[in-house]
C-alpha atoms as a PDB file:
ATOM      1  CA  MET A   1     139.206 177.818 144.819  1.00  0.00           C
ATOM      2  CA  TYR A   2     139.850 174.902 147.166  1.00  0.00           C
ATOM      3  CA  TYR A   3     140.288 177.144 150.211  1.00  0.00           C
ATOM      4  CA  ARG A   4     137.341 179.322 149.214  1.00  0.00           C
ATOM      5  CA  ASN A   5     134.992 176.322 149.188  1.00  0.00           C
ATOM      6  CA  LYS A   6     136.511 174.957 152.389  1.00  0.00           C
ATOM      7  CA  ALA A   7     136.079 178.359 154.072  1.00  0.00           C
ATOM      8  CA  ILE A   8     132.445 178.678 153.016  1.00  0.00           C
ATOM      9  CA  ASN A   9     131.636 175.208 154.316  1.00  0.00           C
ATOM     10  CA  CYS A  10     133.380 175.985 157.599  1.00  0.00           C
ATOM     11  CA  VAL A  11     131.611 179.278 158.412  1.00  0.00           C
ATOM     12  CA  LYS A  12     128.288 179.391 156.555  1.00  0.00           C
ATOM     13  CA  ASP A  13     126.274 177.721 159.328  1.00  0.00           C
ATOM     14  CA  THR A  14     128.347 178.818 162.316  1.00  0.00           C
ATOM     15  CA  VAL A  15     130.263 182.101 162.128  1.00  0.00           C
ATOM     16  CA  LEU A  16     128.161 183.795 159.440  1.00  0.00           C
ATOM     17  CA  PRO A  17     124.828 183.664 161.330  1.00  0.00           C
ATOM     18  CA  ILE A  18     126.489 185.015 164.488  1.00  0.00           C
ATOM     19  CA  MET A  19     128.266 187.817 162.631  1.00  0.00           C
ATOM     20  CA  ALA A  20     125.096 188.656 160.666  1.00  0.00           C
ATOM     21  CA  LYS A  21     123.074 188.942 163.883  1.00  0.00           C
ATOM     22  CA  GLN A  22     125.735 191.185 165.458  1.00  0.00           C
ATOM     23  CA  PHE A  23     125.985 193.297 162.299  1.00  0.00           C
ATOM     24  CA  GLU A  24     122.235 193.860 162.173  1.00  0.00           C
ATOM     25  CA  GLU A  25     122.108 194.589 165.903  1.00  0.00           C
ATOM     26  CA  CYS A  26     124.805 197.226 165.385  1.00  0.00           C
ATOM     27  CA  GLY A  27     122.899 199.108 162.689  1.00  0.00           C
ATOM     28  CA  CYS A  28     124.690 197.342 159.823  1.00  0.00           C
ATOM     29  CA  SER A  29     127.924 199.128 160.717  1.00  0.00           C
ATOM     30  CA  LEU A  30     131.247 197.274 160.883  1.00  0.00           C
ATOM     31  CA  ASP A  31     132.617 200.068 163.058  1.00  0.00           C
ATOM     32  CA  GLU A  32     129.847 199.627 165.627  1.00  0.00           C
ATOM     33  CA  GLN A  33     130.022 195.840 165.438  1.00  0.00           C
ATOM     34  CA  TYR A  34     133.772 195.811 165.969  1.00  0.00           C
ATOM     35  CA  LYS A  35     133.494 198.324 168.834  1.00  0.00           C
ATOM     36  CA  LYS A  36     130.952 196.111 170.582  1.00  0.00           C
ATOM     37  CA  TYR A  37     132.168 192.607 169.674  1.00  0.00           C
ATOM     38  CA  GLY A  38     135.780 193.186 168.677  1.00  0.00           C
ATOM     39  CA  ASN A  39     137.407 191.906 171.846  1.00  0.00           C
ATOM     40  CA  THR A  40     136.336 188.359 172.708  1.00  0.00           C
ATOM     41  CA  GLU A  41     138.151 185.118 173.380  1.00  0.00           C
ATOM     42  CA  TYR A  42     137.487 184.105 169.748  1.00  0.00           C
ATOM     43  CA  PHE A  43     137.850 187.311 167.762  1.00  0.00           C
ATOM     44  CA  PHE A  44     139.433 190.743 167.889  1.00  0.00           C
ATOM     45  CA  ALA A  45     139.035 193.802 165.705  1.00  0.00           C
ATOM     46  CA  GLU A  46     140.641 197.215 165.570  1.00  0.00           C
ATOM     47  CA  ILE A  47     139.335 200.115 163.528  1.00  0.00           C
ATOM     48  CA  ILE A  48     142.318 201.621 161.726  1.00  0.00           C
ATOM     49  CA  GLN A  49     140.338 204.028 159.529  1.00  0.00           C
ATOM     50  CA  PRO A  50     136.574 204.174 160.169  1.00  0.00           C
ATOM     51  CA  GLU A  51     134.430 202.526 157.497  1.00  0.00           C
ATOM     52  CA  HIS A  52     137.537 201.687 155.470  1.00  0.00           C
ATOM     53  CA  ILE A  53     140.461 199.835 157.116  1.00  0.00           C
ATOM     54  CA  TYR A  54     140.396 197.286 159.932  1.00  0.00           C
ATOM     55  CA  GLU A  55     142.720 194.807 161.549  1.00  0.00           C
ATOM     56  CA  ILE A  56     140.875 191.698 162.624  1.00  0.00           C
ATOM     57  CA  GLY A  57     141.853 188.247 163.723  1.00  0.00           C
ATOM     58  CA  TYR A  58     141.888 185.432 166.197  1.00  0.00           C
ATOM     59  CA  PRO A  59     143.835 185.217 169.467  1.00  0.00           C
ATOM     60  CA  LYS A  60     144.787 181.634 168.573  1.00  0.00           C
ATOM     61  CA  CYS A  61     144.276 179.148 165.752  1.00  0.00           C
ATOM     62  CA  PHE A  62     140.740 177.747 165.699  1.00  0.00           C
ATOM     63  CA  CYS A  63     141.044 175.731 162.477  1.00  0.00           C
ATOM     64  CA  PRO A  64     139.666 172.228 163.102  1.00  0.00           C
ATOM     65  CA  ASP A  65     142.152 170.697 160.626  1.00  0.00           C
ATOM     66  CA  VAL A  66     145.076 172.262 162.481  1.00  0.00           C
ATOM     67  CA  LEU A  67     143.756 171.494 165.945  1.00  0.00           C
ATOM     68  CA  CYS A  68     143.275 167.792 165.153  1.00  0.00           C
ATOM     69  CA  GLY A  69     146.746 167.592 163.587  1.00  0.00           C
ATOM     70  CA  LYS A  70     145.451 166.915 160.064  1.00  0.00           C
ATOM     71  CA  ASN A  71     147.186 169.976 158.599  1.00  0.00           C
ATOM     72  CA  LYS A  72     150.062 172.141 159.847  1.00  0.00           C
ATOM     73  CA  GLU A  73     150.898 173.836 156.523  1.00  0.00           C
ATOM     74  CA  VAL A  74     150.878 177.632 156.531  1.00  0.00           C
ATOM     75  CA  SER A  75     148.876 177.519 153.294  1.00  0.00           C
ATOM     76  CA  ILE A  76     145.791 176.425 155.291  1.00  0.00           C
ATOM     77  CA  CYS A  77     145.654 179.993 156.656  1.00  0.00           C
ATOM     78  CA  GLU A  78     144.313 181.018 153.240  1.00  0.00           C
ATOM     79  CA  CYS A  79     141.105 179.353 154.406  1.00  0.00           C
ATOM     80  CA  SER A  80     140.794 181.912 157.229  1.00  0.00           C
ATOM     81  CA  ARG A  81     141.424 184.768 154.815  1.00  0.00           C
ATOM     82  CA  GLN A  82     138.754 183.402 152.475  1.00  0.00           C
ATOM     83  CA  SER A  83     136.282 182.955 155.348  1.00  0.00           C
ATOM     84  CA  ILE A  84     136.697 186.617 156.301  1.00  0.00           C
ATOM     85  CA  ILE A  85     136.012 187.655 152.705  1.00  0.00           C
ATOM     86  CA  TYR A  86     132.973 185.370 152.505  1.00  0.00           C
ATOM     87  CA  VAL A  87     131.448 186.691 155.734  1.00  0.00           C
ATOM     88  CA  LEU A  88     132.033 190.330 154.782  1.00  0.00           C
ATOM     89  CA  GLU A  89     130.618 189.819 151.278  1.00  0.00           C
ATOM     90  CA  ASN A  90     127.491 188.386 152.861  1.00  0.00           C
ATOM     91  CA  LEU A  91     127.178 191.205 155.381  1.00  0.00           C
ATOM     92  CA  ILE A  92     127.763 193.990 152.853  1.00  0.00           C
ATOM     93  CA  PRO A  93     127.207 192.612 149.341  1.00  0.00           C
ATOM     94  CA  ASN A  94     127.507 196.014 147.628  1.00  0.00           C
ATOM     95  CA  LYS A  95     131.132 196.580 148.758  1.00  0.00           C
ATOM     96  CA  LYS A  96     134.470 195.187 147.610  1.00  0.00           C
ATOM     97  CA  PHE A  97     136.873 193.789 150.206  1.00  0.00           C
ATOM     98  CA  THR A  98     140.594 193.219 150.177  1.00  0.00           C
ATOM     99  CA  VAL A  99     141.870 190.986 152.971  1.00  0.00           C
ATOM    100  CA  GLU A 100     145.608 190.660 153.527  1.00  0.00           C
ATOM    101  CA  THR A 101     147.215 188.167 155.876  1.00  0.00           C
ATOM    102  CA  ILE A 102     149.502 190.006 158.302  1.00  0.00           C
ATOM    103  CA  GLU A 103     150.594 187.031 160.412  1.00  0.00           C
ATOM    104  CA  THR A 104     149.311 183.669 161.602  1.00  0.00           C
ATOM    105  CA  VAL A 105     150.012 181.197 164.366  1.00  0.00           C
ATOM    106  CA  LEU A 106     151.221 178.662 161.813  1.00  0.00           C
ATOM    107  CA  ASN A 107     153.903 181.042 160.580  1.00  0.00           C
ATOM    108  CA  GLY A 108     155.143 181.599 164.121  1.00  0.00           C
ATOM    109  CA  ALA A 109     153.037 184.502 165.384  1.00  0.00           C
ATOM    110  CA  GLU A 110     151.170 184.603 168.676  1.00  0.00           C
ATOM    111  CA  LYS A 111     147.849 185.252 166.944  1.00  0.00           C
ATOM    112  CA  CYS A 112     146.288 185.386 163.487  1.00  0.00           C
ATOM    113  CA  ARG A 113     145.954 188.935 162.106  1.00  0.00           C
ATOM    114  CA  PHE A 114     144.406 190.196 158.882  1.00  0.00           C
ATOM    115  CA  ARG A 115     144.077 193.669 157.357  1.00  0.00           C
ATOM    116  CA  VAL A 116     140.657 194.359 155.833  1.00  0.00           C
ATOM    117  CA  ILE A 117     140.158 197.156 153.337  1.00  0.00           C
ATOM    118  CA  VAL A 118     136.598 198.102 152.411  1.00  0.00           C
ATOM    119  CA  GLU A 119     136.287 199.797 149.011  1.00  0.00           C
END
C-alpha cells in the first residue's frame, strides 16, 4: 500500500493529465496512443498483442527519490509499477490490468520495462 500511495501522489497531477489528454486525443485507444506517443525521451511502448498485451517503460530512471540519492533499493521500482496501474485504471476504469516488472535500471538493466496485460 505504501508504494501505491506514493505512486498516486507522484503521477496524479503530472503524468495522469498528460496521458489522459493523449488517450482522449487518440480515440480512447491504447493502441493508437502508444503508436503516436510510444517513442519519446520519457516513455516507450510496444504493442505486443493489440488491445491486450503491451510492453511499456522508461528509457532511464525518472524517480525523484532515486535521482536525488534518497533511495537506491530495487523495491522502489514497485512505485513505477503501481503508477502504471493507477494511470491505466483512470484511463479505462472498466478494465482489469496486470502489470509485471520485466527489468529496471536499479536491477542493472539499461531501461525500465513493464509488461501490461489488459483483461
